């Protein structure tokens, strides 16, 4: 078992690249050749709320990462909403309408009960419980012919020293787009949501990756080539979080506003289903700071980008009050300014 012990996901990306370059072994897979670490890898994040990657070489899409995480917390399974922010998502759906193994839907709507609510109730009644588990993998997936089999299998929650910690078990983890991309945002936001509902701080987040790999062909291979070549440019990975004057600009879910947050989350998706994304971006009915200062400004800037291009959208980035997300948006848009 390899252990990558880091402050945040940006630091993990640097460590992961070094590990893969030093110890990755070439293997074949159904999706082409890979480099894989020949034993499971555990990544331990000590500050999992520092989830935003601003590395220009990595070029992570901040709009997609935030919106997909909200989509998961709400328990959705539709392709349409995610496709607004990432047109490749439809490629992972069997019918172009829903996904087979959407994490949030499986956690909240797949069985007879909402697993996330059960976890919250379990830990509220017994903070020492070792039974607070959300199951994602479905045994029917084993032999099912589908484009979408759950890579992350389960989330185990525990409270230690008054903080909510999580362990996520993953059967197959693309280091770049999965582990140190979408997963780091998705699961830390689930952790943040549960912690806020319980009224306690976040602790560590451990990601156990059974197959920790990168692809050597296609878009994944091209990105790996850039990252391994320019790993020095990924240096100083915590810089957006190191400025002591910026700490107050980080926006986390407010433990005193979770009723408002849940209400806003429901309104977001009900209005999206009824009217579409453009109408949501114009609405002024939000009750939580999280939506007023981050989610809706992010949607508004994204819509400007779609309608008028990156250069115009950059002028509106300051509407996003969370410093880390605002920085990521500015970098991502800057890379798309023509000329």
C-alpha atoms as a PDB file:
ATOM      1  CA  UNK A   1       0.000   0.000   0.000  1.00  0.00           C
ATOM      2  CA  UNK A   2       1.345   3.382  -1.038  1.00  0.00           C
ATOM      3  CA  UNK A   3       0.318   6.434   0.978  1.00  0.00           C
ATOM      4  CA  UNK A   4       0.237   9.992  -0.386  1.00  0.00           C
ATOM      5  CA  UNK A   5      -0.064  12.201   2.687  1.00  0.00           C
ATOM      6  CA  UNK A   6      -0.895  15.774   1.670  1.00  0.00           C
ATOM      7  CA  UNK A   7      -2.506  19.041   2.610  1.00  0.00           C
ATOM      8  CA  UNK A   8      -4.846  19.316  -0.375  1.00  0.00           C
ATOM      9  CA  UNK A   9      -5.611  18.048  -3.876  1.00  0.00           C
ATOM     10  CA  UNK A  10      -3.142  20.340  -5.657  1.00  0.00           C
ATOM     11  CA  UNK A  11      -0.343  19.003  -3.485  1.00  0.00           C
ATOM     12  CA  UNK A  12      -1.622  15.479  -4.163  1.00  0.00           C
ATOM     13  CA  UNK A  13      -1.378  16.031  -7.917  1.00  0.00           C
ATOM     14  CA  UNK A  14       2.300  16.925  -7.620  1.00  0.00           C
ATOM     15  CA  UNK A  15       3.016  13.880  -5.425  1.00  0.00           C
ATOM     16  CA  UNK A  16       0.967  11.592  -7.644  1.00  0.00           C
ATOM     17  CA  UNK A  17       2.837  12.620 -10.786  1.00  0.00           C
ATOM     18  CA  UNK A  18       6.163  11.923  -9.081  1.00  0.00           C
ATOM     19  CA  UNK A  19       4.975   8.531  -7.852  1.00  0.00           C
ATOM     20  CA  UNK A  20       3.598   7.536 -11.263  1.00  0.00           C
ATOM     21  CA  UNK A  21       6.799   8.574 -13.053  1.00  0.00           C
ATOM     22  CA  UNK A  22       8.917   6.608 -10.594  1.00  0.00           C
ATOM     23  CA  UNK A  23       6.857   3.452 -10.052  1.00  0.00           C
ATOM     24  CA  UNK A  24       4.109   3.224 -12.674  1.00  0.00           C
ATOM     25  CA  UNK A  25       4.035  -0.036 -14.646  1.00  0.00           C
ATOM     26  CA  UNK A  26       2.614  -0.303 -18.139  1.00  0.00           C
ATOM     27  CA  UNK A  27      -0.550  -2.402 -18.438  1.00  0.00           C
ATOM     28  CA  UNK A  28      -3.278  -2.917 -21.007  1.00  0.00           C
ATOM     29  CA  UNK A  29      -6.920  -2.150 -20.278  1.00  0.00           C
ATOM     30  CA  UNK A  30     -10.240  -2.127 -22.136  1.00  0.00           C
ATOM     31  CA  UNK A  31      -9.682   1.613 -22.714  1.00  0.00           C
ATOM     32  CA  UNK A  32      -6.083   1.362 -23.884  1.00  0.00           C
ATOM     33  CA  UNK A  33      -2.627   1.248 -22.357  1.00  0.00           C
ATOM     34  CA  UNK A  34      -2.134   2.596 -18.831  1.00  0.00           C
ATOM     35  CA  UNK A  35       0.547   3.235 -16.278  1.00  0.00           C
ATOM     36  CA  UNK A  36      -0.564   1.748 -12.954  1.00  0.00           C
ATOM     37  CA  UNK A  37       0.942   1.705  -9.483  1.00  0.00           C
ATOM     38  CA  UNK A  38       1.239  -2.051  -8.761  1.00  0.00           C
ATOM     39  CA  UNK A  39      -0.460  -1.821  -5.343  1.00  0.00           C
ATOM     40  CA  UNK A  40      -3.341   0.175  -3.860  1.00  0.00           C
ATOM     41  CA  UNK A  41      -2.730   3.873  -3.190  1.00  0.00           C
ATOM     42  CA  UNK A  42      -4.261   5.819  -0.313  1.00  0.00           C
ATOM     43  CA  UNK A  43      -4.370   9.587  -0.568  1.00  0.00           C
ATOM     44  CA  UNK A  44      -4.915  11.367   2.753  1.00  0.00           C
ATOM     45  CA  UNK A  45      -6.105  14.970   2.533  1.00  0.00           C
ATOM     46  CA  UNK A  46      -5.635  16.914   5.755  1.00  0.00           C
ATOM     47  CA  UNK A  47      -7.428  20.028   4.454  1.00  0.00           C
ATOM     48  CA  UNK A  48      -9.963  18.511   2.035  1.00  0.00           C
ATOM     49  CA  UNK A  49     -11.891  21.776   1.703  1.00  0.00           C
ATOM     50  CA  UNK A  50      -8.922  23.106  -0.261  1.00  0.00           C
ATOM     51  CA  UNK A  51     -10.370  21.300  -3.263  1.00  0.00           C
ATOM     52  CA  UNK A  52      -9.866  23.771  -6.101  1.00  0.00           C
ATOM     53  CA  UNK A  53      -7.083  23.090  -8.617  1.00  0.00           C
ATOM     54  CA  UNK A  54      -5.674  26.121 -10.432  1.00  0.00           C
ATOM     55  CA  UNK A  55      -2.835  24.393 -12.323  1.00  0.00           C
ATOM     56  CA  UNK A  56      -2.988  25.720 -15.934  1.00  0.00           C
ATOM     57  CA  UNK A  57      -1.463  22.495 -17.275  1.00  0.00           C
ATOM     58  CA  UNK A  58      -4.183  20.424 -15.607  1.00  0.00           C
ATOM     59  CA  UNK A  59      -6.838  22.909 -16.881  1.00  0.00           C
ATOM     60  CA  UNK A  60      -9.616  21.630 -14.613  1.00  0.00           C
ATOM     61  CA  UNK A  61     -13.079  22.986 -15.400  1.00  0.00           C
ATOM     62  CA  UNK A  62     -14.238  24.696 -12.173  1.00  0.00           C
ATOM     63  CA  UNK A  63     -17.819  25.167 -13.387  1.00  0.00           C
ATOM     64  CA  UNK A  64     -18.243  21.472 -14.024  1.00  0.00           C
ATOM     65  CA  UNK A  65     -16.569  20.383 -10.782  1.00  0.00           C
ATOM     66  CA  UNK A  66     -18.782  22.548  -8.572  1.00  0.00           C
ATOM     67  CA  UNK A  67     -22.033  21.878 -10.417  1.00  0.00           C
ATOM     68  CA  UNK A  68     -21.474  18.126 -10.629  1.00  0.00           C
ATOM     69  CA  UNK A  69     -20.908  18.009  -6.865  1.00  0.00           C
ATOM     70  CA  UNK A  70     -24.187  19.837  -6.192  1.00  0.00           C
ATOM     71  CA  UNK A  71     -25.911  17.478  -8.648  1.00  0.00           C
ATOM     72  CA  UNK A  72     -24.535  14.544  -6.645  1.00  0.00           C
ATOM     73  CA  UNK A  73     -25.575  15.957  -3.262  1.00  0.00           C
ATOM     74  CA  UNK A  74     -29.099  16.403  -4.629  1.00  0.00           C
ATOM     75  CA  UNK A  75     -29.197  12.771  -5.766  1.00  0.00           C
ATOM     76  CA  UNK A  76     -29.706  13.398  -9.486  1.00  0.00           C
ATOM     77  CA  UNK A  77     -29.154  10.964 -12.345  1.00  0.00           C
ATOM     78  CA  UNK A  78     -29.935  13.046 -15.457  1.00  0.00           C
ATOM     79  CA  UNK A  79     -27.395  13.668 -18.217  1.00  0.00           C
ATOM     80  CA  UNK A  80     -28.874  17.009 -19.265  1.00  0.00           C
ATOM     81  CA  UNK A  81     -27.678  19.157 -16.343  1.00  0.00           C
ATOM     82  CA  UNK A  82     -24.084  17.884 -16.400  1.00  0.00           C
ATOM     83  CA  UNK A  83     -23.980  18.199 -20.172  1.00  0.00           C
ATOM     84  CA  UNK A  84     -24.525  21.953 -19.771  1.00  0.00           C
ATOM     85  CA  UNK A  85     -21.015  22.185 -18.292  1.00  0.00           C
ATOM     86  CA  UNK A  86     -19.222  19.244 -19.941  1.00  0.00           C
ATOM     87  CA  UNK A  87     -20.381  18.011 -23.339  1.00  0.00           C
ATOM     88  CA  UNK A  88     -18.440  14.743 -22.968  1.00  0.00           C
ATOM     89  CA  UNK A  89     -20.684  13.489 -20.165  1.00  0.00           C
ATOM     90  CA  UNK A  90     -23.283  12.115 -22.565  1.00  0.00           C
ATOM     91  CA  UNK A  91     -20.644   9.635 -23.775  1.00  0.00           C
ATOM     92  CA  UNK A  92     -20.902   7.829 -20.432  1.00  0.00           C
ATOM     93  CA  UNK A  93     -24.666   7.314 -20.637  1.00  0.00           C
ATOM     94  CA  UNK A  94     -26.246   4.234 -22.207  1.00  0.00           C
ATOM     95  CA  UNK A  95     -29.340   6.093 -23.436  1.00  0.00           C
ATOM     96  CA  UNK A  96     -28.295   9.756 -23.387  1.00  0.00           C
ATOM     97  CA  UNK A  97     -30.912  10.515 -20.719  1.00  0.00           C
ATOM     98  CA  UNK A  98     -29.680   9.052 -17.419  1.00  0.00           C
ATOM     99  CA  UNK A  99     -26.536   7.404 -16.075  1.00  0.00           C
ATOM    100  CA  UNK A 100     -26.362   3.843 -14.837  1.00  0.00           C
ATOM    101  CA  UNK A 101     -24.286   4.576 -11.719  1.00  0.00           C
ATOM    102  CA  UNK A 102     -24.626   8.230 -10.685  1.00  0.00           C
ATOM    103  CA  UNK A 103     -23.144   8.510  -7.195  1.00  0.00           C
ATOM    104  CA  UNK A 104     -25.715  10.851  -5.705  1.00  0.00           C
ATOM    105  CA  UNK A 105     -28.713   8.956  -7.041  1.00  0.00           C
ATOM    106  CA  UNK A 106     -27.329   5.702  -5.702  1.00  0.00           C
ATOM    107  CA  UNK A 107     -26.655   7.251  -2.320  1.00  0.00           C
ATOM    108  CA  UNK A 108     -29.966   9.071  -1.961  1.00  0.00           C
ATOM    109  CA  UNK A 109     -32.575   7.529  -4.283  1.00  0.00           C
ATOM    110  CA  UNK A 110     -31.480   4.060  -5.388  1.00  0.00           C
ATOM    111  CA  UNK A 111     -32.851   1.949  -2.534  1.00  0.00           C
ATOM    112  CA  UNK A 112     -35.632   2.116   0.004  1.00  0.00           C
ATOM    113  CA  UNK A 113     -34.015   4.909   2.029  1.00  0.00           C
ATOM    114  CA  UNK A 114     -31.805   7.978   1.671  1.00  0.00           C
ATOM    115  CA  UNK A 115     -28.403   6.686   2.787  1.00  0.00           C
ATOM    116  CA  UNK A 116     -27.024  10.173   3.399  1.00  0.00           C
ATOM    117  CA  UNK A 117     -29.866  11.030   5.774  1.00  0.00           C
ATOM    118  CA  UNK A 118     -29.352   7.689   7.522  1.00  0.00           C
ATOM    119  CA  UNK A 119     -25.655   8.471   7.988  1.00  0.00           C
ATOM    120  CA  UNK A 120     -26.503  11.884   9.469  1.00  0.00           C
ATOM    121  CA  UNK A 121     -29.077  10.340  11.819  1.00  0.00           C
ATOM    122  CA  UNK A 122     -26.698   7.545  12.837  1.00  0.00           C
ATOM    123  CA  UNK A 123     -23.846   9.899  13.734  1.00  0.00           C
ATOM    124  CA  UNK A 124     -26.150  12.390  15.436  1.00  0.00           C
ATOM    125  CA  UNK A 125     -27.417   9.615  17.726  1.00  0.00           C
ATOM    126  CA  UNK A 126     -24.024   7.957  18.233  1.00  0.00           C
ATOM    127  CA  UNK A 127     -20.919   9.980  17.313  1.00  0.00           C
ATOM    128  CA  UNK A 128     -18.775   6.873  17.997  1.00  0.00           C
ATOM    129  CA  UNK A 129     -20.604   4.747  15.427  1.00  0.00           C
ATOM    130  CA  UNK A 130     -18.585   2.721  12.924  1.00  0.00           C
ATOM    131  CA  UNK A 131     -21.695   1.873  10.902  1.00  0.00           C
ATOM    132  CA  UNK A 132     -22.161   5.143   8.985  1.00  0.00           C
ATOM    133  CA  UNK A 133     -21.656   3.862   5.439  1.00  0.00           C
ATOM    134  CA  UNK A 134     -23.032   4.899   2.034  1.00  0.00           C
ATOM    135  CA  UNK A 135     -22.938   2.081  -0.507  1.00  0.00           C
ATOM    136  CA  UNK A 136     -22.521   3.024  -4.186  1.00  0.00           C
ATOM    137  CA  UNK A 137     -21.557  -0.218  -5.924  1.00  0.00           C
ATOM    138  CA  UNK A 138     -24.490  -2.414  -6.972  1.00  0.00           C
ATOM    139  CA  UNK A 139     -23.928  -6.152  -7.370  1.00  0.00           C
ATOM    140  CA  UNK A 140     -25.983  -6.073 -10.570  1.00  0.00           C
ATOM    141  CA  UNK A 141     -23.240  -3.947 -12.145  1.00  0.00           C
ATOM    142  CA  UNK A 142     -20.793  -6.844 -12.133  1.00  0.00           C
ATOM    143  CA  UNK A 143     -22.198  -8.510 -15.241  1.00  0.00           C
ATOM    144  CA  UNK A 144     -24.157  -5.565 -16.640  1.00  0.00           C
ATOM    145  CA  UNK A 145     -23.348  -4.277 -20.110  1.00  0.00           C
ATOM    146  CA  UNK A 146     -23.091  -0.536 -19.512  1.00  0.00           C
ATOM    147  CA  UNK A 147     -20.810   2.419 -20.202  1.00  0.00           C
ATOM    148  CA  UNK A 148     -21.136   3.561 -16.597  1.00  0.00           C
ATOM    149  CA  UNK A 149     -20.002   1.297 -13.767  1.00  0.00           C
ATOM    150  CA  UNK A 150     -19.344   2.918 -10.422  1.00  0.00           C
ATOM    151  CA  UNK A 151     -15.628   3.503  -9.878  1.00  0.00           C
ATOM    152  CA  UNK A 152     -16.106   4.680  -6.295  1.00  0.00           C
ATOM    153  CA  UNK A 153     -17.758   1.902  -4.311  1.00  0.00           C
ATOM    154  CA  UNK A 154     -18.514   3.252  -0.836  1.00  0.00           C
ATOM    155  CA  UNK A 155     -18.050   6.112   1.623  1.00  0.00           C
ATOM    156  CA  UNK A 156     -17.398   5.404   5.286  1.00  0.00           C
ATOM    157  CA  UNK A 157     -17.970   8.259   7.757  1.00  0.00           C
ATOM    158  CA  UNK A 158     -16.544   8.538  11.260  1.00  0.00           C
ATOM    159  CA  UNK A 159     -16.248  11.237  13.896  1.00  0.00           C
ATOM    160  CA  UNK A 160     -12.849  11.497  15.565  1.00  0.00           C
ATOM    161  CA  UNK A 161     -11.705  14.319  17.870  1.00  0.00           C
ATOM    162  CA  UNK A 162     -14.956  16.108  17.158  1.00  0.00           C
ATOM    163  CA  UNK A 163     -14.389  16.216  13.370  1.00  0.00           C
ATOM    164  CA  UNK A 164     -16.066  14.351  10.523  1.00  0.00           C
ATOM    165  CA  UNK A 165     -13.632  12.144   8.604  1.00  0.00           C
ATOM    166  CA  UNK A 166     -14.390  10.039   5.543  1.00  0.00           C
ATOM    167  CA  UNK A 167     -12.810   7.119   3.717  1.00  0.00           C
ATOM    168  CA  UNK A 168     -13.767   6.520   0.085  1.00  0.00           C
ATOM    169  CA  UNK A 169     -13.054   3.122  -1.487  1.00  0.00           C
ATOM    170  CA  UNK A 170     -12.410   3.103  -5.225  1.00  0.00           C
ATOM    171  CA  UNK A 171     -11.930   0.097  -7.499  1.00  0.00           C
ATOM    172  CA  UNK A 172     -10.478   1.941 -10.532  1.00  0.00           C
ATOM    173  CA  UNK A 173      -9.066   5.458 -10.290  1.00  0.00           C
ATOM    174  CA  UNK A 174      -7.775   7.604 -13.121  1.00  0.00           C
ATOM    175  CA  UNK A 175      -5.270   9.731 -11.213  1.00  0.00           C
ATOM    176  CA  UNK A 176      -5.734  12.898 -13.272  1.00  0.00           C
ATOM    177  CA  UNK A 177      -9.443  13.177 -14.081  1.00  0.00           C
ATOM    178  CA  UNK A 178     -10.761  10.971 -11.276  1.00  0.00           C
ATOM    179  CA  UNK A 179      -8.733  10.945  -8.060  1.00  0.00           C
ATOM    180  CA  UNK A 180      -7.181  14.411  -8.369  1.00  0.00           C
ATOM    181  CA  UNK A 181      -9.964  15.903 -10.407  1.00  0.00           C
ATOM    182  CA  UNK A 182     -13.660  15.219  -9.937  1.00  0.00           C
ATOM    183  CA  UNK A 183     -13.381  12.856  -6.941  1.00  0.00           C
ATOM    184  CA  UNK A 184     -11.481  15.310  -4.748  1.00  0.00           C
ATOM    185  CA  UNK A 185     -14.285  17.845  -5.212  1.00  0.00           C
ATOM    186  CA  UNK A 186     -17.249  15.438  -5.164  1.00  0.00           C
ATOM    187  CA  UNK A 187     -16.456  13.588  -1.985  1.00  0.00           C
ATOM    188  CA  UNK A 188     -15.019  16.494  -0.011  1.00  0.00           C
ATOM    189  CA  UNK A 189     -18.266  18.353  -0.727  1.00  0.00           C
ATOM    190  CA  UNK A 190     -20.316  15.377   0.474  1.00  0.00           C
ATOM    191  CA  UNK A 191     -18.094  15.391   3.575  1.00  0.00           C
ATOM    192  CA  UNK A 192     -18.643  19.133   3.987  1.00  0.00           C
ATOM    193  CA  UNK A 193     -22.410  18.750   3.615  1.00  0.00           C
ATOM    194  CA  UNK A 194     -22.676  16.004   6.241  1.00  0.00           C
ATOM    195  CA  UNK A 195     -20.337  17.852   8.622  1.00  0.00           C
ATOM    196  CA  UNK A 196     -22.388  21.040   8.290  1.00  0.00           C
ATOM    197  CA  UNK A 197     -25.624  19.136   8.891  1.00  0.00           C
ATOM    198  CA  UNK A 198     -24.077  17.628  12.034  1.00  0.00           C
ATOM    199  CA  UNK A 199     -22.694  20.992  13.137  1.00  0.00           C
ATOM    200  CA  UNK A 200     -19.066  19.863  13.357  1.00  0.00           C
ATOM    201  CA  UNK A 201     -15.850  20.654  11.430  1.00  0.00           C
ATOM    202  CA  UNK A 202     -14.392  18.559   8.635  1.00  0.00           C
ATOM    203  CA  UNK A 203     -11.496  16.228   9.403  1.00  0.00           C
ATOM    204  CA  UNK A 204      -9.388  14.146   7.040  1.00  0.00           C
ATOM    205  CA  UNK A 205     -10.503  12.568   3.769  1.00  0.00           C
ATOM    206  CA  UNK A 206      -8.851   9.297   2.722  1.00  0.00           C
ATOM    207  CA  UNK A 207      -9.233   7.989  -0.829  1.00  0.00           C
ATOM    208  CA  UNK A 208      -8.261   4.324  -1.207  1.00  0.00           C
ATOM    209  CA  UNK A 209      -7.601   3.587  -4.889  1.00  0.00           C
ATOM    210  CA  UNK A 210      -7.322  -0.116  -5.751  1.00  0.00           C
ATOM    211  CA  UNK A 211      -6.147   0.598  -9.306  1.00  0.00           C
ATOM    212  CA  UNK A 212      -4.351   3.948  -9.385  1.00  0.00           C
ATOM    213  CA  UNK A 213      -3.480   4.716 -13.010  1.00  0.00           C
ATOM    214  CA  UNK A 214      -3.135   7.151 -15.892  1.00  0.00           C
ATOM    215  CA  UNK A 215      -3.954   6.534 -19.535  1.00  0.00           C
ATOM    216  CA  UNK A 216      -1.219   6.635 -22.146  1.00  0.00           C
ATOM    217  CA  UNK A 217      -3.456   7.066 -25.183  1.00  0.00           C
ATOM    218  CA  UNK A 218      -6.154   9.489 -26.315  1.00  0.00           C
ATOM    219  CA  UNK A 219      -6.997  12.714 -24.434  1.00  0.00           C
ATOM    220  CA  UNK A 220      -5.913  11.196 -21.119  1.00  0.00           C
ATOM    221  CA  UNK A 221      -2.533  10.266 -22.555  1.00  0.00           C
ATOM    222  CA  UNK A 222      -2.016  13.726 -24.014  1.00  0.00           C
ATOM    223  CA  UNK A 223      -2.761  15.327 -20.645  1.00  0.00           C
ATOM    224  CA  UNK A 224      -0.432  12.918 -18.846  1.00  0.00           C
ATOM    225  CA  UNK A 225       2.362  13.795 -21.266  1.00  0.00           C
ATOM    226  CA  UNK A 226       1.917  17.494 -20.484  1.00  0.00           C
ATOM    227  CA  UNK A 227       1.796  16.991 -16.733  1.00  0.00           C
ATOM    228  CA  UNK A 228       4.830  14.737 -16.483  1.00  0.00           C
ATOM    229  CA  UNK A 229       6.773  17.096 -18.758  1.00  0.00           C
ATOM    230  CA  UNK A 230       5.829  20.229 -16.849  1.00  0.00           C
ATOM    231  CA  UNK A 231       5.571  18.916 -13.308  1.00  0.00           C
ATOM    232  CA  UNK A 232       7.800  21.769 -12.135  1.00  0.00           C
ATOM    233  CA  UNK A 233       5.084  24.190 -13.269  1.00  0.00           C
ATOM    234  CA  UNK A 234       2.643  22.526 -10.887  1.00  0.00           C
ATOM    235  CA  UNK A 235       4.930  23.613  -8.031  1.00  0.00           C
ATOM    236  CA  UNK A 236       3.729  25.806  -5.154  1.00  0.00           C
ATOM    237  CA  UNK A 237       0.373  24.005  -5.285  1.00  0.00           C
ATOM    238  CA  UNK A 238      -1.100  25.582  -2.153  1.00  0.00           C
ATOM    239  CA  UNK A 239      -0.433  29.192  -3.112  1.00  0.00           C
ATOM    240  CA  UNK A 240      -4.087  30.219  -3.490  1.00  0.00           C
ATOM    241  CA  UNK A 241      -4.710  29.058   0.079  1.00  0.00           C
ATOM    242  CA  UNK A 242      -1.497  30.365   1.668  1.00  0.00           C
ATOM    243  CA  UNK A 243      -2.268  34.085   1.682  1.00  0.00           C
ATOM    244  CA  UNK A 244      -3.373  34.905   5.252  1.00  0.00           C
ATOM    245  CA  UNK A 245      -5.428  37.795   3.929  1.00  0.00           C
ATOM    246  CA  UNK A 246      -7.477  35.417   1.824  1.00  0.00           C
ATOM    247  CA  UNK A 247      -8.705  33.046   4.500  1.00  0.00           C
ATOM    248  CA  UNK A 248     -11.918  34.989   5.004  1.00  0.00           C
ATOM    249  CA  UNK A 249     -12.635  34.741   1.267  1.00  0.00           C
ATOM    250  CA  UNK A 250     -13.041  30.947   1.359  1.00  0.00           C
ATOM    251  CA  UNK A 251     -16.701  29.988   1.385  1.00  0.00           C
ATOM    252  CA  UNK A 252     -17.856  26.792   3.083  1.00  0.00           C
ATOM    253  CA  UNK A 253     -21.374  25.594   3.813  1.00  0.00           C
ATOM    254  CA  UNK A 254     -22.615  27.502   6.859  1.00  0.00           C
ATOM    255  CA  UNK A 255     -23.738  25.167   9.649  1.00  0.00           C
ATOM    256  CA  UNK A 256     -26.383  27.730  10.650  1.00  0.00           C
ATOM    257  CA  UNK A 257     -27.808  27.923   7.116  1.00  0.00           C
ATOM    258  CA  UNK A 258     -28.226  24.283   6.108  1.00  0.00           C
ATOM    259  CA  UNK A 259     -32.016  24.519   6.000  1.00  0.00           C
ATOM    260  CA  UNK A 260     -31.619  27.418   3.571  1.00  0.00           C
ATOM    261  CA  UNK A 261     -28.928  25.548   1.630  1.00  0.00           C
ATOM    262  CA  UNK A 262     -31.180  22.494   1.185  1.00  0.00           C
ATOM    263  CA  UNK A 263     -34.045  24.720   0.153  1.00  0.00           C
ATOM    264  CA  UNK A 264     -31.857  26.530  -2.415  1.00  0.00           C
ATOM    265  CA  UNK A 265     -30.551  23.229  -3.756  1.00  0.00           C
ATOM    266  CA  UNK A 266     -34.105  22.011  -4.311  1.00  0.00           C
ATOM    267  CA  UNK A 267     -35.114  25.293  -5.964  1.00  0.00           C
ATOM    268  CA  UNK A 268     -32.041  25.218  -8.225  1.00  0.00           C
ATOM    269  CA  UNK A 269     -32.923  21.884  -9.762  1.00  0.00           C
ATOM    270  CA  UNK A 270     -36.687  22.289  -9.811  1.00  0.00           C
ATOM    271  CA  UNK A 271     -36.305  25.615 -11.629  1.00  0.00           C
ATOM    272  CA  UNK A 272     -33.704  24.119 -13.955  1.00  0.00           C
ATOM    273  CA  UNK A 273     -36.053  21.273 -14.859  1.00  0.00           C
ATOM    274  CA  UNK A 274     -38.883  23.717 -15.490  1.00  0.00           C
ATOM    275  CA  UNK A 275     -37.151  26.666 -17.152  1.00  0.00           C
ATOM    276  CA  UNK A 276     -33.541  25.780 -18.001  1.00  0.00           C
ATOM    277  CA  UNK A 277     -30.162  27.116 -16.901  1.00  0.00           C
ATOM    278  CA  UNK A 278     -30.554  30.635 -18.287  1.00  0.00           C
ATOM    279  CA  UNK A 279     -33.578  31.363 -16.122  1.00  0.00           C
ATOM    280  CA  UNK A 280     -31.847  29.979 -13.023  1.00  0.00           C
ATOM    281  CA  UNK A 281     -28.954  32.382 -13.540  1.00  0.00           C
ATOM    282  CA  UNK A 282     -31.345  35.339 -13.476  1.00  0.00           C
ATOM    283  CA  UNK A 283     -33.307  34.346 -10.363  1.00  0.00           C
ATOM    284  CA  UNK A 284     -32.993  36.404  -7.146  1.00  0.00           C
ATOM    285  CA  UNK A 285     -34.744  34.074  -4.700  1.00  0.00           C
ATOM    286  CA  UNK A 286     -31.790  32.486  -2.911  1.00  0.00           C
ATOM    287  CA  UNK A 287     -31.636  32.334   0.880  1.00  0.00           C
ATOM    288  CA  UNK A 288     -28.181  30.916   1.682  1.00  0.00           C
ATOM    289  CA  UNK A 289     -24.855  32.715   1.422  1.00  0.00           C
ATOM    290  CA  UNK A 290     -23.447  29.684  -0.381  1.00  0.00           C
ATOM    291  CA  UNK A 291     -25.837  30.181  -3.273  1.00  0.00           C
ATOM    292  CA  UNK A 292     -25.805  33.989  -3.266  1.00  0.00           C
ATOM    293  CA  UNK A 293     -22.022  34.298  -3.101  1.00  0.00           C
ATOM    294  CA  UNK A 294     -20.842  31.225  -5.035  1.00  0.00           C
ATOM    295  CA  UNK A 295     -23.307  28.969  -6.870  1.00  0.00           C
ATOM    296  CA  UNK A 296     -25.441  31.555  -8.670  1.00  0.00           C
ATOM    297  CA  UNK A 297     -22.489  33.853  -9.534  1.00  0.00           C
ATOM    298  CA  UNK A 298     -20.714  30.789 -10.978  1.00  0.00           C
ATOM    299  CA  UNK A 299     -23.749  29.968 -13.102  1.00  0.00           C
ATOM    300  CA  UNK A 300     -24.060  33.589 -14.231  1.00  0.00           C
ATOM    301  CA  UNK A 301     -20.396  33.813 -15.280  1.00  0.00           C
ATOM    302  CA  UNK A 302     -20.695  30.487 -17.095  1.00  0.00           C
ATOM    303  CA  UNK A 303     -23.726  31.732 -19.017  1.00  0.00           C
ATOM    304  CA  UNK A 304     -21.846  34.892 -20.049  1.00  0.00           C
ATOM    305  CA  UNK A 305     -19.033  32.643 -21.275  1.00  0.00           C
ATOM    306  CA  UNK A 306     -21.469  30.595 -23.352  1.00  0.00           C
ATOM    307  CA  UNK A 307     -23.173  33.626 -24.849  1.00  0.00           C
ATOM    308  CA  UNK A 308     -20.357  36.130 -25.272  1.00  0.00           C
ATOM    309  CA  UNK A 309     -17.070  34.272 -24.887  1.00  0.00           C
ATOM    310  CA  UNK A 310     -14.321  33.982 -22.307  1.00  0.00           C
ATOM    311  CA  UNK A 311     -12.995  37.546 -22.597  1.00  0.00           C
ATOM    312  CA  UNK A 312     -16.327  39.077 -21.674  1.00  0.00           C
ATOM    313  CA  UNK A 313     -16.967  36.483 -18.950  1.00  0.00           C
ATOM    314  CA  UNK A 314     -13.650  37.367 -17.305  1.00  0.00           C
ATOM    315  CA  UNK A 315     -15.015  40.833 -16.526  1.00  0.00           C
ATOM    316  CA  UNK A 316     -17.697  39.245 -14.357  1.00  0.00           C
ATOM    317  CA  UNK A 317     -15.494  36.789 -12.433  1.00  0.00           C
ATOM    318  CA  UNK A 318     -15.248  39.135  -9.438  1.00  0.00           C
ATOM    319  CA  UNK A 319     -18.912  38.436  -8.726  1.00  0.00           C
ATOM    320  CA  UNK A 320     -17.752  35.110  -7.280  1.00  0.00           C
ATOM    321  CA  UNK A 321     -16.894  35.856  -3.648  1.00  0.00           C
ATOM    322  CA  UNK A 322     -15.074  32.605  -2.865  1.00  0.00           C
ATOM    323  CA  UNK A 323     -11.430  33.406  -3.626  1.00  0.00           C
ATOM    324  CA  UNK A 324     -10.365  29.882  -4.635  1.00  0.00           C
ATOM    325  CA  UNK A 325     -13.223  29.314  -7.064  1.00  0.00           C
ATOM    326  CA  UNK A 326     -12.914  32.856  -8.446  1.00  0.00           C
ATOM    327  CA  UNK A 327      -9.203  32.300  -9.097  1.00  0.00           C
ATOM    328  CA  UNK A 328      -9.856  28.985 -10.819  1.00  0.00           C
ATOM    329  CA  UNK A 329     -12.554  30.536 -13.007  1.00  0.00           C
ATOM    330  CA  UNK A 330     -10.282  33.430 -13.985  1.00  0.00           C
ATOM    331  CA  UNK A 331      -7.444  31.075 -14.946  1.00  0.00           C
ATOM    332  CA  UNK A 332      -9.751  28.731 -16.878  1.00  0.00           C
ATOM    333  CA  UNK A 333     -11.374  31.606 -18.806  1.00  0.00           C
ATOM    334  CA  UNK A 334      -8.012  33.288 -19.476  1.00  0.00           C
ATOM    335  CA  UNK A 335      -6.807  30.164 -21.220  1.00  0.00           C
ATOM    336  CA  UNK A 336      -9.763  30.424 -23.572  1.00  0.00           C
ATOM    337  CA  UNK A 337      -9.392  34.055 -24.571  1.00  0.00           C
ATOM    338  CA  UNK A 338      -8.622  34.131 -28.282  1.00  0.00           C
ATOM    339  CA  UNK A 339      -5.500  35.871 -29.454  1.00  0.00           C
END
